Amino acid sequence: MANDLRSIYTAPTEEDGQLALREFNDIWGKKYPHITQSWQSNWGELATFYKYPDAIKKLIYTTNPIESLNSSIKRRTKSKGSFPTVDSAFKMLYLATQEVQNKWKVNSLRNWSEIYPQLSHRECKHKAYFFKIL
């Protein structure tokens, strides 16, 4: 199922994404109707994703630091029944956060030299539009 969902958000165009969504619905719609309904009812917001260049789209759908941090903390606390003191719990949270931050430093973003100018250009366009309104 994940591969079929991936084909929706990795589609090169919005039309291809809609086609992939229809194909997903044909395969999984009866078993998981709420997934297709959610994608269809929120398509206006989700379709904005297709306006970005491929490098930025990949950055959006592959980067999830909150989930990474949560899973690291869960992994650390899962084996612990309880903590003897509040300070020991905070120490464990601190160490888990440090571990994740070090991992993020090592795994820097691929194609950042390509992505950064695209983000800067888009940000300038948004700022110009915003200041024109004011």
C-alpha atoms as a PDB file:
ATOM      1  CA  MET A   1       0.000   0.000   0.000  1.00  0.00           C
ATOM      2  CA  ALA A   2       2.834   2.421   0.817  1.00  0.00           C
ATOM      3  CA  ASN A   3       4.283   2.031  -2.681  1.00  0.00           C
ATOM      4  CA  ASP A   4       0.909   2.846  -4.231  1.00  0.00           C
ATOM      5  CA  LEU A   5       0.604   5.953  -2.031  1.00  0.00           C
ATOM      6  CA  ARG A   6       4.155   6.933  -2.928  1.00  0.00           C
ATOM      7  CA  SER A   7       3.209   6.865  -6.604  1.00  0.00           C
ATOM      8  CA  ILE A   8       0.713   9.675  -5.870  1.00  0.00           C
ATOM      9  CA  TYR A   9       3.074  12.147  -4.228  1.00  0.00           C
ATOM     10  CA  THR A  10       6.066  11.308  -6.419  1.00  0.00           C
ATOM     11  CA  ALA A  11       4.097  11.786  -9.637  1.00  0.00           C
ATOM     12  CA  PRO A  12       5.716  14.404 -11.878  1.00  0.00           C
ATOM     13  CA  THR A  13       2.510  16.373 -12.516  1.00  0.00           C
ATOM     14  CA  GLU A  14      -0.808  16.962 -10.809  1.00  0.00           C
ATOM     15  CA  GLU A  15      -2.620  15.032 -13.554  1.00  0.00           C
ATOM     16  CA  ASP A  16      -0.327  12.045 -13.025  1.00  0.00           C
ATOM     17  CA  GLY A  17      -0.971  12.335  -9.292  1.00  0.00           C
ATOM     18  CA  GLN A  18      -4.732  12.236  -9.846  1.00  0.00           C
ATOM     19  CA  LEU A  19      -4.318   9.197 -12.079  1.00  0.00           C
ATOM     20  CA  ALA A  20      -2.203   7.497  -9.403  1.00  0.00           C
ATOM     21  CA  LEU A  21      -4.895   8.343  -6.824  1.00  0.00           C
ATOM     22  CA  ARG A  22      -7.559   6.712  -9.023  1.00  0.00           C
ATOM     23  CA  GLU A  23      -5.350   3.640  -9.408  1.00  0.00           C
ATOM     24  CA  PHE A  24      -4.813   3.585  -5.639  1.00  0.00           C
ATOM     25  CA  ASN A  25      -8.573   3.763  -5.132  1.00  0.00           C
ATOM     26  CA  ASP A  26      -9.132   0.882  -7.571  1.00  0.00           C
ATOM     27  CA  ILE A  27      -6.693  -1.306  -5.634  1.00  0.00           C
ATOM     28  CA  TRP A  28      -7.194  -0.203  -2.022  1.00  0.00           C
ATOM     29  CA  GLY A  29     -10.449   1.800  -2.015  1.00  0.00           C
ATOM     30  CA  LYS A  30     -12.699  -0.967  -0.698  1.00  0.00           C
ATOM     31  CA  LYS A  31     -10.329  -1.977   2.102  1.00  0.00           C
ATOM     32  CA  TYR A  32      -9.282   1.579   3.082  1.00  0.00           C
ATOM     33  CA  PRO A  33     -11.957   4.002   1.816  1.00  0.00           C
ATOM     34  CA  HIS A  34     -11.013   6.709   4.328  1.00  0.00           C
ATOM     35  CA  ILE A  35      -7.542   7.112   2.788  1.00  0.00           C
ATOM     36  CA  THR A  36      -8.877   7.876  -0.669  1.00  0.00           C
ATOM     37  CA  GLN A  37     -11.629  10.110   0.740  1.00  0.00           C
ATOM     38  CA  SER A  38      -9.064  12.084   2.715  1.00  0.00           C
ATOM     39  CA  TRP A  39      -6.820  12.590  -0.311  1.00  0.00           C
ATOM     40  CA  GLN A  40      -9.781  13.593  -2.495  1.00  0.00           C
ATOM     41  CA  SER A  41     -11.315  15.997   0.019  1.00  0.00           C
ATOM     42  CA  ASN A  42      -7.944  17.697   0.592  1.00  0.00           C
ATOM     43  CA  TRP A  43      -6.730  17.597  -3.011  1.00  0.00           C
ATOM     44  CA  GLY A  44      -6.756  21.387  -3.368  1.00  0.00           C
ATOM     45  CA  GLU A  45      -4.146  21.745  -0.630  1.00  0.00           C
ATOM     46  CA  LEU A  46      -2.211  18.631  -1.617  1.00  0.00           C
ATOM     47  CA  ALA A  47      -2.009  19.654  -5.279  1.00  0.00           C
ATOM     48  CA  THR A  48       0.060  22.692  -4.271  1.00  0.00           C
ATOM     49  CA  PHE A  49       2.865  20.196  -3.791  1.00  0.00           C
ATOM     50  CA  TYR A  50       3.101  19.682  -7.568  1.00  0.00           C
ATOM     51  CA  LYS A  51       3.981  23.349  -8.144  1.00  0.00           C
ATOM     52  CA  TYR A  52       7.406  22.865  -6.565  1.00  0.00           C
ATOM     53  CA  PRO A  53      10.475  21.698  -8.474  1.00  0.00           C
ATOM     54  CA  ASP A  54      11.425  18.041  -8.015  1.00  0.00           C
ATOM     55  CA  ALA A  55      14.292  18.784  -5.631  1.00  0.00           C
ATOM     56  CA  ILE A  56      12.029  20.720  -3.246  1.00  0.00           C
ATOM     57  CA  LYS A  57       9.254  18.108  -3.494  1.00  0.00           C
ATOM     58  CA  LYS A  58      11.724  15.419  -2.474  1.00  0.00           C
ATOM     59  CA  LEU A  59      12.927  17.576   0.408  1.00  0.00           C
ATOM     60  CA  ILE A  60       9.340  17.927   1.626  1.00  0.00           C
ATOM     61  CA  TYR A  61       8.346  14.272   1.488  1.00  0.00           C
ATOM     62  CA  THR A  62      11.603  12.787   2.777  1.00  0.00           C
ATOM     63  CA  THR A  63      12.368  15.139   5.662  1.00  0.00           C
ATOM     64  CA  ASN A  64      10.459  14.648   8.873  1.00  0.00           C
ATOM     65  CA  PRO A  65      12.595  15.635  11.856  1.00  0.00           C
ATOM     66  CA  ILE A  66       9.715  15.498  14.335  1.00  0.00           C
ATOM     67  CA  GLU A  67       8.980  11.852  13.517  1.00  0.00           C
ATOM     68  CA  SER A  68      12.683  11.058  13.700  1.00  0.00           C
ATOM     69  CA  LEU A  69      12.994  12.638  17.132  1.00  0.00           C
ATOM     70  CA  ASN A  70       9.829  10.938  18.408  1.00  0.00           C
ATOM     71  CA  SER A  71      10.967   7.506  17.245  1.00  0.00           C
ATOM     72  CA  SER A  72      14.377   8.000  18.852  1.00  0.00           C
ATOM     73  CA  ILE A  73      12.793   8.944  22.174  1.00  0.00           C
ATOM     74  CA  LYS A  74      10.360   6.012  21.968  1.00  0.00           C
ATOM     75  CA  ARG A  75      13.217   3.635  21.245  1.00  0.00           C
ATOM     76  CA  ARG A  76      15.108   4.942  24.273  1.00  0.00           C
ATOM     77  CA  THR A  77      12.145   4.867  26.686  1.00  0.00           C
ATOM     78  CA  LYS A  78      10.617   1.583  25.516  1.00  0.00           C
ATOM     79  CA  SER A  79      13.071  -0.546  27.491  1.00  0.00           C
ATOM     80  CA  LYS A  80      12.707   1.550  30.644  1.00  0.00           C
ATOM     81  CA  GLY A  81       9.926   0.646  33.042  1.00  0.00           C
ATOM     82  CA  SER A  82      10.247   3.912  34.929  1.00  0.00           C
ATOM     83  CA  PHE A  83      12.802   6.519  35.846  1.00  0.00           C
ATOM     84  CA  PRO A  84      14.076   6.835  39.404  1.00  0.00           C
ATOM     85  CA  THR A  85      13.994  10.638  39.302  1.00  0.00           C
ATOM     86  CA  VAL A  86      12.679  13.411  37.110  1.00  0.00           C
ATOM     87  CA  ASP A  87      16.275  14.437  36.441  1.00  0.00           C
ATOM     88  CA  SER A  88      17.083  10.987  35.053  1.00  0.00           C
ATOM     89  CA  ALA A  89      14.133  11.238  32.662  1.00  0.00           C
ATOM     90  CA  PHE A  90      15.292  14.680  31.485  1.00  0.00           C
ATOM     91  CA  LYS A  91      18.833  13.392  31.072  1.00  0.00           C
ATOM     92  CA  MET A  92      17.590  10.574  28.849  1.00  0.00           C
ATOM     93  CA  LEU A  93      15.563  13.058  26.756  1.00  0.00           C
ATOM     94  CA  TYR A  94      18.578  15.325  26.456  1.00  0.00           C
ATOM     95  CA  LEU A  95      20.849  12.473  25.343  1.00  0.00           C
ATOM     96  CA  ALA A  96      18.287  11.211  22.825  1.00  0.00           C
ATOM     97  CA  THR A  97      17.967  14.730  21.383  1.00  0.00           C
ATOM     98  CA  GLN A  98      21.750  15.083  21.142  1.00  0.00           C
ATOM     99  CA  GLU A  99      21.993  11.733  19.373  1.00  0.00           C
ATOM    100  CA  VAL A 100      19.412  12.778  16.787  1.00  0.00           C
ATOM    101  CA  GLN A 101      21.062  16.174  16.267  1.00  0.00           C
ATOM    102  CA  ASN A 102      24.413  14.485  15.602  1.00  0.00           C
ATOM    103  CA  LYS A 103      22.719  12.187  13.104  1.00  0.00           C
ATOM    104  CA  TRP A 104      21.191  15.188  11.339  1.00  0.00           C
ATOM    105  CA  LYS A 105      24.608  16.866  11.088  1.00  0.00           C
ATOM    106  CA  VAL A 106      26.135  13.772   9.479  1.00  0.00           C
ATOM    107  CA  ASN A 107      23.251  13.220   7.057  1.00  0.00           C
ATOM    108  CA  SER A 108      23.167  16.663   5.491  1.00  0.00           C
ATOM    109  CA  LEU A 109      20.668  17.319   2.756  1.00  0.00           C
ATOM    110  CA  ARG A 110      21.465  16.009  -0.679  1.00  0.00           C
ATOM    111  CA  ASN A 111      21.429  18.538  -3.506  1.00  0.00           C
ATOM    112  CA  TRP A 112      21.310  21.438  -1.041  1.00  0.00           C
ATOM    113  CA  SER A 113      23.259  23.575  -3.508  1.00  0.00           C
ATOM    114  CA  GLU A 114      20.389  23.040  -5.962  1.00  0.00           C
ATOM    115  CA  ILE A 115      17.551  23.356  -3.432  1.00  0.00           C
ATOM    116  CA  TYR A 116      18.688  26.504  -1.619  1.00  0.00           C
ATOM    117  CA  PRO A 117      18.548  28.868  -4.620  1.00  0.00           C
ATOM    118  CA  GLN A 118      15.099  27.543  -5.537  1.00  0.00           C
ATOM    119  CA  LEU A 119      13.804  28.141  -2.012  1.00  0.00           C
ATOM    120  CA  SER A 120      15.396  31.599  -1.907  1.00  0.00           C
ATOM    121  CA  HIS A 121      13.805  32.539  -5.223  1.00  0.00           C
ATOM    122  CA  ARG A 122      10.374  31.341  -4.080  1.00  0.00           C
ATOM    123  CA  GLU A 123      10.732  33.187  -0.777  1.00  0.00           C
ATOM    124  CA  CYS A 124      11.602  36.432  -2.580  1.00  0.00           C
ATOM    125  CA  LYS A 125       8.525  36.081  -4.787  1.00  0.00           C
ATOM    126  CA  HIS A 126       6.317  35.522  -1.727  1.00  0.00           C
ATOM    127  CA  LYS A 127       7.823  38.497   0.101  1.00  0.00           C
ATOM    128  CA  ALA A 128       7.312  40.732  -2.942  1.00  0.00           C
ATOM    129  CA  TYR A 129       3.666  39.636  -3.175  1.00  0.00           C
ATOM    130  CA  PHE A 130       3.113  40.182   0.550  1.00  0.00           C
ATOM    131  CA  PHE A 131       4.637  43.665   0.564  1.00  0.00           C
ATOM    132  CA  LYS A 132       2.675  44.606  -2.548  1.00  0.00           C
ATOM    133  CA  ILE A 133      -0.549  43.802  -0.669  1.00  0.00           C
ATOM    134  CA  LEU A 134       0.391  45.960   2.309  1.00  0.00           C
END
